[in-house]
Each structure stands twice: as C-alpha cells, then as structure tokens.
Protein backbone atom coordinates (compact mmCIF):
# COMPACT_ATOMS: atom_id res chain seq x y z
CA MET A 1 -0.27 -80.26 101.31
CA LYS A 2 -0.02 -76.02 99.84
CA ARG A 3 1.90 -75.95 102.84
CA TYR A 4 4.83 -78.90 102.45
CA LEU A 5 5.37 -77.98 98.71
CA SER A 6 5.62 -74.82 99.61
CA LEU A 7 8.22 -75.87 102.34
CA MET A 8 10.01 -77.61 99.86
CA GLY A 9 10.57 -74.60 97.57
CA VAL A 10 11.99 -72.32 100.48
CA THR A 11 14.14 -75.45 100.81
CA SER A 12 14.69 -76.11 97.61
CA ALA A 13 16.12 -72.59 97.51
CA LEU A 14 18.05 -73.02 100.56
CA LEU A 15 19.46 -75.83 98.62
CA ALA A 16 20.99 -74.25 95.89
CA ALA A 17 22.27 -70.62 97.55
CA ILE A 18 23.96 -73.03 99.56
CA LEU A 19 25.66 -75.24 96.69
CA LEU A 20 25.90 -72.55 94.69
CA SER A 21 27.98 -70.65 97.07
CA VAL A 22 30.52 -73.74 97.51
CA LEU A 23 31.07 -74.00 93.64
CA PRO A 24 33.83 -72.73 92.24
CA ALA A 25 32.86 -69.66 90.42
CA PRO A 26 33.57 -69.39 86.85
CA ALA A 27 37.38 -67.98 85.30
CA THR A 28 37.78 -64.81 85.22
CA ALA A 29 41.29 -63.38 83.65
CA ALA A 30 43.16 -64.49 86.99
CA GLU A 31 42.15 -67.18 87.19
CA GLU A 32 42.64 -68.57 83.18
CA GLY A 33 46.04 -69.55 83.94
CA GLU A 34 46.77 -72.25 86.22
CA PRO A 35 49.91 -72.06 88.12
CA GLU A 36 53.08 -75.00 87.67
CA MET A 37 54.23 -77.20 90.31
CA ILE A 38 57.99 -77.39 90.52
CA PHE A 39 58.18 -79.51 93.09
CA LYS A 40 57.17 -80.83 96.73
CA LYS A 41 59.20 -80.58 99.92
CA ARG A 42 57.62 -82.31 103.04
CA THR A 43 57.26 -80.76 106.28
CA VAL A 44 55.17 -83.49 108.31
CA PHE A 45 54.79 -86.64 108.08
CA ARG A 46 51.11 -88.59 109.37
CA LEU A 47 51.50 -92.55 109.83
CA LEU A 48 48.23 -93.47 108.87
CA SER A 49 47.02 -90.08 107.55
CA PRO A 50 48.05 -87.35 104.38
CA ASP A 51 51.03 -85.95 105.11
CA ALA A 52 51.99 -82.73 105.22
CA TYR A 53 53.93 -80.35 102.47
CA ILE A 54 54.91 -77.28 101.33
CA ARG A 55 54.72 -76.73 97.79
CA VAL A 56 56.54 -74.97 94.69
CA TYR A 57 53.98 -73.30 91.94
CA ALA A 58 55.98 -70.84 88.79
CA ILE A 59 53.28 -68.77 87.34
CA ASP A 60 53.83 -66.46 84.06
CA ASP A 61 51.77 -63.24 84.42
CA PRO A 62 48.01 -63.88 82.01
CA LEU A 63 48.95 -59.63 80.72
CA VAL A 64 52.59 -58.80 81.19
CA GLU A 65 54.85 -60.70 78.57
CA GLY A 66 57.70 -61.49 80.28
CA VAL A 67 57.63 -62.07 83.58
CA ALA A 68 57.46 -65.63 86.15
CA CYS A 69 56.42 -66.00 89.98
CA HIS A 70 56.87 -68.72 91.75
CA PHE A 71 55.47 -68.45 95.04
CA ALA A 72 55.56 -71.33 98.03
CA ALA A 73 52.59 -72.08 99.29
CA PRO A 74 52.30 -74.42 102.81
CA GLU A 75 49.36 -77.47 102.31
CA ILE A 76 47.65 -78.94 104.67
CA GLY A 77 47.61 -82.87 105.07
CA GLY A 78 45.62 -84.77 107.02
CA TRP A 79 42.08 -85.85 106.93
CA LYS A 80 40.82 -82.96 106.39
CA GLY A 81 43.48 -81.50 104.17
CA TRP A 82 42.38 -84.11 101.78
CA ALA A 83 38.83 -83.73 102.26
CA GLY A 84 39.01 -79.89 101.56
CA LEU A 85 37.63 -79.15 104.73
CA ALA A 86 40.87 -77.45 106.45
CA GLU A 87 42.29 -74.04 106.20
CA GLU A 88 44.88 -73.55 104.36
CA ARG A 89 47.63 -71.78 106.31
CA SER A 90 48.15 -67.52 105.31
CA ASP A 91 52.31 -68.22 104.82
CA VAL A 92 53.02 -67.71 101.33
CA SER A 93 56.08 -66.34 99.46
CA LEU A 94 56.72 -65.42 96.18
CA ALA A 95 59.94 -64.38 93.90
CA CYS A 96 58.82 -62.55 90.35
CA ARG A 97 61.23 -61.67 88.23
CA GLN A 98 61.92 -60.76 83.96
CA ILE A 99 62.16 -63.86 82.38
CA GLY A 100 62.61 -61.85 78.55
CA PRO A 101 61.50 -58.82 76.73
CA ILE A 102 59.02 -57.74 78.21
CA HIS A 103 54.59 -56.52 76.30
CA PHE A 104 52.33 -55.50 78.22
CA ARG A 105 48.89 -57.15 76.74
CA GLY A 106 46.45 -54.55 77.38
CA LYS A 107 46.10 -52.07 81.31
CA PHE A 108 45.56 -52.90 84.45
CA GLU A 109 44.77 -50.54 87.87
CA GLN A 110 46.83 -50.85 91.12
CA GLY A 111 46.39 -54.22 92.90
CA ASP A 112 44.99 -55.24 89.84
CA ASP A 113 44.97 -59.70 90.83
CA MET A 114 46.83 -61.67 88.88
CA TYR A 115 46.25 -64.94 89.91
CA ARG A 116 43.91 -66.13 92.60
CA GLU A 117 43.58 -69.16 94.60
CA ARG A 118 40.75 -70.85 97.07
CA ARG A 119 42.72 -71.69 100.60
CA SER A 120 39.08 -73.23 102.23
CA LEU A 121 35.73 -74.07 101.50
CA PHE A 122 33.61 -70.78 102.52
CA PHE A 123 35.85 -67.99 103.29
CA LYS A 124 40.17 -67.70 102.32
CA LYS A 125 41.57 -66.29 99.69
CA LEU A 126 45.47 -66.61 98.65
CA HIS A 127 45.48 -63.70 96.05
CA ILE A 128 48.97 -62.28 94.18
CA VAL A 129 47.83 -58.64 92.92
CA ARG A 130 50.56 -56.77 90.39
CA GLY A 131 50.67 -53.01 91.06
CA CYS A 132 52.99 -50.55 88.89
CA ASP A 133 55.93 -48.24 90.82
CA PRO A 134 55.58 -45.32 87.62
CA LYS A 135 58.18 -43.58 89.10
CA ARG A 136 61.60 -45.96 89.34
CA ASN A 137 59.60 -48.02 86.56
CA VAL A 138 59.36 -51.18 88.86
CA LEU A 139 56.39 -53.60 88.86
CA VAL A 140 55.74 -54.51 92.28
CA TYR A 141 53.82 -58.25 93.03
CA LEU A 142 52.32 -58.66 96.68
CA THR A 143 50.82 -62.80 97.52
CA TYR A 144 48.43 -62.03 100.74
CA THR A 145 45.59 -63.85 102.21
CA ASN A 146 42.01 -62.53 102.96
CA LYS A 147 39.27 -63.97 104.60
CA LEU A 148 35.44 -62.66 104.96
CA ILE A 149 35.63 -62.36 108.37
CA GLU A 150 39.18 -61.15 109.54
CA GLY A 151 41.67 -60.78 106.94
CA SER A 152 45.72 -62.28 107.09
CA PRO A 153 48.60 -59.77 107.48
CA LYS A 154 51.22 -61.85 106.62
CA ASN A 155 52.92 -60.98 102.31
CA SER A 156 55.30 -61.71 100.55
CA VAL A 157 56.28 -58.68 97.94
CA SER A 158 58.24 -58.76 95.59
CA THR A 159 59.21 -56.74 92.16
CA VAL A 160 60.51 -56.41 88.76
CA PRO A 161 62.31 -53.20 87.36
CA ILE A 162 61.84 -53.37 83.65
CA MET A 163 65.08 -53.44 81.72
CA PRO A 164 65.48 -53.19 77.87
CA TRP A 165 66.12 -56.91 76.29
CA GLY A 166 68.16 -57.65 73.77
CA ASP A 167 68.42 -54.43 71.59
CA LYS A 168 64.50 -54.03 72.62
CA PRO A 169 63.85 -50.78 74.90
CA ALA A 170 61.88 -51.60 78.75
CA PRO A 171 58.37 -50.21 77.59
CA ARG A 172 57.83 -48.20 80.39
CA CYS A 173 54.53 -49.58 83.39
CA ALA A 174 53.48 -45.94 83.75
CA ASN A 175 51.71 -46.61 80.28
CA PHE A 176 49.78 -49.71 80.41
CA LEU A 177 48.80 -47.76 84.10
CA GLU A 178 44.36 -47.15 83.71
C-alpha cells in the first residue's frame, strides 16, 4: 500500500508538471497588449472542417507611444487547427509606422520582445522584437518564429524613422537604450 501511495505521488507530480507546461505563462509586459484583428482572408476552403485563413492584426507598441504595427499571420484550418493542436506556419509579414508623436514610456534593450504569441501547443512562438538604429534615429521591428528544437529562418523587418510631429521635436531612440 505504501508503494502504491508513493507511485501516486510521483504520478500526480508528473501530471502537474505536464499541465503547467501546457498552460499559458502569466502575462508579461510584452504580452499585455493583445493585437486587434483587422480582417481575415480565407486561403483554403474545407467542406467538413474549419477553413484556413490569413489574419491581419494591428498592435500598438506598448513601450513606444505613437508607433503601430500590422502583421499578417496564417491560421491552419482543419480539425487540428480548430483544436489548437496544429503547428502554425512561420510565414508572418510585418509593417510598422509612426502614427503620432513618439513618446518612450521607458528604456529597452536591443531585441526586446514587443509582442509574442504561442504558435503551437508546446514548442513554437511568434515574436515581434524592437531595436534602435541610433545613427539614423530609426526604430527597427523584426518578426520571427522560434522553435525549441530548430528555429525558423522566415522573418520580416519594418523600420520607423522617428520624425518630429507638429511642433514637438523627435526624441532620440538612443537615449532610451539600456
């Protein structure tokens, strides 16, 4: 009986570890702003299961007021896609623009995540990261996906030259690098 209870404890601990690895992690500063879906376009029609789409999203940079990014990401249909078990494709495109006066809410490091999203049940994540080209005073945004075992070479880059807005001078992104 004692052996059985010990085995139950190990099994419960293993089950708890598996569940914790599957559940989403608590939101970080980069994950707090959820993207807004602008529209979707069907790419594959399926008669008996959900269709495949490309969805276009908008997201404001949570650290740099005055910058908005739009990205397009494919969504696999079928029953696996519907259940969240399919690994989404790595093909993501990105465009970022200055939409108002630039105001930095804090300091950042080169390559900090602006946004990230899980693209498969366990291993793949989509990242949008931010950097600064101090010589040209340009914000650089990169989107890519990574995988636990092997990353994806597919990526997209967008740049935002920081320009004066109205009578406000343009801040220098180099002043906000850590």
